[in-house]
């Protein structure tokens, strides 16, 4: 991976992490096009730059995250993230070994797009428009919905937003709660990948931080990638909330279907 490819991957991460289009799918597709998908550092890079995207949520919604008197808010997120942590630890590697291939992911992208075309019709009577009115039980249920994103191409954002609307949250509130829930979820995945996971590099095992610090080039990519992901993700969140209120989910459904079909054709004949 060269510097330009690192920049492009960071932009892709920032643009897609909080949209219901599957950042994992877009990162895998981009790496496959660059022919870098088998490189251990590239895989680590794709996960580690989520940290920048996480910070964008904390900064944009700092009044929520820096309000230490709001114990219930932190409790809801702590409970809602448990299903992803447990099921992710048990099954994520097995699922990725089977489905982390472009063609199956492109198919999931299309199927998820079809679902998004009907979400607004299925959940018309949503009334919860404040985080304070989201109960712990509802937060936990949304956390289980989020686990659907363990299948690459599904989209963590789409799964948790749909789960939120199914629990009575309005479109805007479901999207914002999805952003909130992303922080502990993605932080756990990022920290695990950097400090605990063993990466196979030339037949030897290395921790993520060792791989990042193994060369000045890797360190530079990591730092620049996180900065770019932070800026782009912040802009994408603002953009998404505006379009969501105006057009609903159909726009993203059509995007997923068209993009999935194009990529399905590309990787079928590549």
Protein backbone atom coordinates (compact mmCIF):
# COMPACT_ATOMS: atom_id res chain seq x y z
CA UNK A 1 0.00 0.00 0.00
CA UNK A 2 1.37 3.41 -0.94
CA UNK A 3 0.57 6.81 0.55
CA UNK A 4 -2.12 7.70 -2.00
CA UNK A 5 -3.90 4.38 -1.42
CA UNK A 6 -3.79 5.00 2.34
CA UNK A 7 -5.41 8.41 1.83
CA UNK A 8 -8.13 6.93 -0.39
CA UNK A 9 -8.88 4.17 2.12
CA UNK A 10 -9.14 6.77 4.92
CA UNK A 11 -11.56 8.84 2.84
CA UNK A 12 -13.64 5.74 2.09
CA UNK A 13 -13.72 4.89 5.81
CA UNK A 14 -14.77 8.39 6.80
CA UNK A 15 -17.46 8.59 4.13
CA UNK A 16 -19.05 5.22 4.76
CA UNK A 17 -18.61 4.35 8.45
CA UNK A 18 -21.79 6.06 9.64
CA UNK A 19 -23.86 5.72 6.47
CA UNK A 20 -26.08 2.63 5.97
CA UNK A 21 -23.93 1.42 3.07
CA UNK A 22 -21.37 -0.84 4.85
CA UNK A 23 -17.92 0.64 5.36
CA UNK A 24 -16.50 -2.89 5.59
CA UNK A 25 -17.77 -3.69 2.10
CA UNK A 26 -16.35 -0.49 0.64
CA UNK A 27 -12.98 -1.01 2.31
CA UNK A 28 -12.75 -4.60 1.09
CA UNK A 29 -13.75 -3.57 -2.44
CA UNK A 30 -11.21 -0.74 -2.46
CA UNK A 31 -8.41 -3.00 -1.19
CA UNK A 32 -9.33 -5.64 -3.76
CA UNK A 33 -9.13 -3.08 -6.56
CA UNK A 34 -5.73 -1.94 -5.22
CA UNK A 35 -4.64 -5.62 -4.94
CA UNK A 36 -3.61 -5.05 -1.32
CA UNK A 37 -6.31 -7.07 0.43
CA UNK A 38 -3.93 -9.80 1.64
CA UNK A 39 -1.51 -7.47 3.40
CA UNK A 40 -1.65 -7.63 7.22
CA UNK A 41 -0.92 -3.94 7.70
CA UNK A 42 -3.65 -2.96 5.24
CA UNK A 43 -6.16 -5.04 7.21
CA UNK A 44 -4.98 -3.45 10.46
CA UNK A 45 -5.05 0.00 8.88
CA UNK A 46 -8.67 -0.43 7.82
CA UNK A 47 -9.64 -1.19 11.42
CA UNK A 48 -7.34 1.24 13.22
CA UNK A 49 -8.47 4.34 11.32
CA UNK A 50 -11.92 3.78 12.79
CA UNK A 51 -10.49 5.56 15.81
CA UNK A 52 -10.54 8.84 13.88
CA UNK A 53 -14.14 8.23 12.86
CA UNK A 54 -15.06 7.52 16.50
CA UNK A 55 -13.59 10.85 17.59
CA UNK A 56 -15.76 12.68 15.06
CA UNK A 57 -18.89 11.43 16.86
CA UNK A 58 -17.53 12.40 20.27
CA UNK A 59 -16.66 15.89 19.02
CA UNK A 60 -19.97 16.47 17.19
CA UNK A 61 -22.01 15.22 20.15
CA UNK A 62 -19.63 16.33 22.90
CA UNK A 63 -22.46 17.57 25.11
CA UNK A 64 -23.69 13.96 25.33
CA UNK A 65 -20.34 12.29 25.86
CA UNK A 66 -18.85 14.85 28.23
CA UNK A 67 -21.91 15.07 30.47
CA UNK A 68 -20.77 13.01 33.44
CA UNK A 69 -24.05 13.59 35.25
CA UNK A 70 -25.88 11.56 32.60
CA UNK A 71 -25.14 8.12 34.05
CA UNK A 72 -28.10 6.53 32.25
CA UNK A 73 -26.62 7.48 28.85
CA UNK A 74 -23.36 5.67 29.57
CA UNK A 75 -25.23 2.72 31.07
CA UNK A 76 -27.37 2.32 27.96
CA UNK A 77 -24.33 2.28 25.69
CA UNK A 78 -22.47 -0.13 27.99
CA UNK A 79 -25.38 -2.58 27.96
CA UNK A 80 -26.17 -2.14 24.25
CA UNK A 81 -22.59 -2.97 23.22
CA UNK A 82 -22.49 -6.30 25.12
CA UNK A 83 -24.12 -8.44 22.37
CA UNK A 84 -21.60 -7.23 19.76
CA UNK A 85 -18.66 -7.85 22.08
CA UNK A 86 -19.76 -11.37 23.01
CA UNK A 87 -20.98 -12.56 19.61
CA UNK A 88 -18.15 -10.77 17.83
CA UNK A 89 -15.56 -12.59 19.90
CA UNK A 90 -17.26 -15.95 19.28
CA UNK A 91 -18.13 -15.76 15.59
CA UNK A 92 -16.58 -12.79 13.77
CA UNK A 93 -13.43 -14.55 12.54
CA UNK A 94 -15.46 -17.55 11.34
CA UNK A 95 -17.93 -15.38 9.44
CA UNK A 96 -15.19 -13.29 7.82
CA UNK A 97 -13.31 -16.43 6.74
CA UNK A 98 -16.39 -17.45 4.73
CA UNK A 99 -17.83 -14.12 3.60
CA UNK A 100 -14.89 -11.71 3.37
CA UNK A 101 -14.89 -12.05 -0.40
CA UNK A 102 -16.08 -9.36 -2.84
CA UNK A 103 -18.84 -11.31 -4.62
CA UNK A 104 -20.78 -12.49 -1.52
CA UNK A 105 -20.45 -9.01 -0.02
CA UNK A 106 -21.75 -7.39 -3.23
CA UNK A 107 -24.80 -9.66 -3.04
CA UNK A 108 -25.41 -8.69 0.60
CA UNK A 109 -25.03 -5.03 -0.40
CA UNK A 110 -27.82 -5.42 -2.97
CA UNK A 111 -30.12 -7.33 -0.62
CA UNK A 112 -29.60 -4.73 2.11
CA UNK A 113 -30.43 -2.01 -0.39
CA UNK A 114 -33.75 -3.68 -1.20
CA UNK A 115 -34.58 -3.74 2.52
CA UNK A 116 -33.81 -0.02 2.87
CA UNK A 117 -36.34 0.80 0.14
CA UNK A 118 -39.16 -0.32 2.43
CA UNK A 119 -37.94 0.74 5.89
CA UNK A 120 -39.85 4.01 5.96
CA UNK A 121 -43.09 2.17 5.11
CA UNK A 122 -42.54 -0.59 7.67
CA UNK A 123 -41.88 1.77 10.57
CA UNK A 124 -44.26 4.69 10.20
CA UNK A 125 -45.37 5.11 13.81
CA UNK A 126 -42.07 6.07 15.41
CA UNK A 127 -42.39 8.56 18.26
CA UNK A 128 -39.21 8.48 20.38
CA UNK A 129 -37.17 11.52 19.40
CA UNK A 130 -35.03 12.01 22.52
CA UNK A 131 -32.24 9.76 23.81
CA UNK A 132 -33.57 10.18 27.35
CA UNK A 133 -36.72 8.28 26.29
CA UNK A 134 -34.79 5.26 25.01
CA UNK A 135 -35.10 2.62 27.73
CA UNK A 136 -32.32 0.22 28.68
CA UNK A 137 -34.37 -2.65 27.23
CA UNK A 138 -34.71 -0.84 23.90
CA UNK A 139 -31.00 -0.02 23.89
CA UNK A 140 -30.14 -3.69 24.45
CA UNK A 141 -32.48 -4.74 21.65
CA UNK A 142 -30.81 -2.27 19.30
CA UNK A 143 -27.50 -3.78 20.39
CA UNK A 144 -28.68 -7.20 19.22
CA UNK A 145 -29.80 -5.71 15.90
CA UNK A 146 -26.32 -4.27 15.49
CA UNK A 147 -24.93 -7.82 15.53
CA UNK A 148 -26.43 -8.42 12.09
CA UNK A 149 -23.52 -6.35 10.81
CA UNK A 150 -21.17 -9.23 11.63
CA UNK A 151 -22.07 -10.37 8.12
CA UNK A 152 -19.81 -8.20 5.90
CA UNK A 153 -21.82 -5.95 3.62
CA UNK A 154 -24.77 -5.61 5.99
CA UNK A 155 -23.66 -2.28 7.56
CA UNK A 156 -23.46 -1.71 11.30
CA UNK A 157 -25.12 1.64 10.83
CA UNK A 158 -28.04 0.21 8.81
CA UNK A 159 -28.61 -2.66 11.24
CA UNK A 160 -28.64 -0.45 14.34
CA UNK A 161 -30.77 2.26 12.68
CA UNK A 162 -33.35 -0.32 11.57
CA UNK A 163 -33.26 -1.77 15.07
CA UNK A 164 -33.84 1.67 16.51
CA UNK A 165 -36.83 2.35 14.27
CA UNK A 166 -38.24 -1.08 15.08
CA UNK A 167 -38.06 -0.02 18.73
CA UNK A 168 -40.02 3.17 18.02
CA UNK A 169 -37.21 5.69 17.50
CA UNK A 170 -37.69 8.33 14.83
CA UNK A 171 -35.36 8.25 11.82
CA UNK A 172 -33.17 11.04 13.20
CA UNK A 173 -33.05 9.59 16.71
CA UNK A 174 -32.34 6.08 15.41
CA UNK A 175 -29.45 7.46 13.34
CA UNK A 176 -28.04 9.44 16.26
CA UNK A 177 -28.32 6.50 18.66
CA UNK A 178 -26.51 4.43 16.04
CA UNK A 179 -23.71 7.02 16.09
CA UNK A 180 -23.59 6.89 19.91
CA UNK A 181 -23.48 3.09 19.94
CA UNK A 182 -20.72 3.08 17.34
CA UNK A 183 -18.31 4.71 19.80
CA UNK A 184 -17.95 1.85 22.34
CA UNK A 185 -18.42 -0.79 19.63
CA UNK A 186 -15.74 0.51 17.28
CA UNK A 187 -13.45 1.54 20.13
CA UNK A 188 -13.48 -2.03 21.45
CA UNK A 189 -12.73 -3.47 17.99
CA UNK A 190 -9.97 -0.93 17.37
CA UNK A 191 -8.26 -1.46 20.73
CA UNK A 192 -8.49 -5.23 20.34
CA UNK A 193 -6.94 -5.06 16.87
CA UNK A 194 -4.10 -2.79 17.97
CA UNK A 195 -3.20 -4.21 21.39
CA UNK A 196 -4.50 -7.78 21.67
CA UNK A 197 -4.88 -9.41 18.25
CA UNK A 198 -1.96 -11.32 16.72
CA UNK A 199 -1.34 -10.44 13.07
CA UNK A 200 0.49 -12.83 10.77
CA UNK A 201 3.43 -11.04 9.13
CA UNK A 202 5.90 -13.11 7.07
CA UNK A 203 5.20 -16.23 9.11
CA UNK A 204 5.60 -14.45 12.46
CA UNK A 205 3.03 -12.97 14.83
CA UNK A 206 2.97 -9.27 15.68
CA UNK A 207 0.64 -7.16 17.76
CA UNK A 208 -1.06 -4.32 15.94
CA UNK A 209 0.93 -1.58 17.67
CA UNK A 210 4.16 -3.38 16.79
CA UNK A 211 3.10 -3.47 13.16
CA UNK A 212 2.21 0.23 13.22
CA UNK A 213 5.57 1.13 14.80
CA UNK A 214 7.57 -1.28 12.64
CA UNK A 215 8.41 1.50 10.17
CA UNK A 216 8.09 5.26 9.91
CA UNK A 217 5.95 4.70 6.83
CA UNK A 218 3.40 2.60 8.74
CA UNK A 219 3.30 5.14 11.58
CA UNK A 220 2.75 8.00 9.13
CA UNK A 221 -0.07 6.11 7.36
CA UNK A 222 -1.73 5.39 10.72
CA UNK A 223 -1.60 9.02 11.88
CA UNK A 224 -2.63 10.60 8.57
CA UNK A 225 -5.33 8.00 8.04
CA UNK A 226 -6.96 8.75 11.38
CA UNK A 227 -6.89 12.52 10.79
CA UNK A 228 -8.51 12.13 7.37
CA UNK A 229 -11.10 9.66 8.68
CA UNK A 230 -11.97 12.10 11.49
CA UNK A 231 -12.56 15.07 9.17
CA UNK A 232 -14.41 13.15 6.47
CA UNK A 233 -16.59 11.25 8.98
CA UNK A 234 -17.66 14.50 10.66
CA UNK A 235 -18.74 15.92 7.31
CA UNK A 236 -20.47 12.66 6.34
CA UNK A 237 -22.51 12.59 9.57
CA UNK A 238 -23.78 16.14 8.98
CA UNK A 239 -24.54 15.31 5.35
CA UNK A 240 -26.33 12.06 6.25
CA UNK A 241 -28.58 13.61 8.91
CA UNK A 242 -29.65 16.31 6.46
CA UNK A 243 -30.49 13.89 3.65
CA UNK A 244 -32.14 11.42 6.00
CA UNK A 245 -34.60 14.02 7.24
CA UNK A 246 -35.42 15.07 3.69
CA UNK A 247 -35.45 11.82 1.71
CA UNK A 248 -35.52 8.94 4.19
CA UNK A 249 -33.70 5.69 3.40
CA UNK A 250 -34.70 5.14 -0.24
CA UNK A 251 -31.73 7.13 -1.53
CA UNK A 252 -29.32 4.85 0.33
CA UNK A 253 -31.23 1.77 -0.79
CA UNK A 254 -30.85 2.73 -4.45
CA UNK A 255 -27.17 3.51 -3.87
CA UNK A 256 -26.55 0.10 -2.33
CA UNK A 257 -28.36 -1.73 -5.13
CA UNK A 258 -26.62 0.13 -7.95
CA UNK A 259 -23.18 -0.06 -6.31
CA UNK A 260 -23.64 -3.74 -5.42
CA UNK A 261 -24.64 -4.67 -8.98
CA UNK A 262 -21.71 -2.75 -10.49
CA UNK A 263 -19.24 -4.38 -8.11
CA UNK A 264 -20.83 -7.80 -8.60
CA UNK A 265 -20.27 -7.45 -12.35
CA UNK A 266 -16.73 -6.11 -11.87
CA UNK A 267 -15.55 -8.89 -9.56
CA UNK A 268 -17.35 -11.59 -11.50
CA UNK A 269 -15.31 -10.83 -14.61
CA UNK A 270 -12.12 -9.46 -13.03
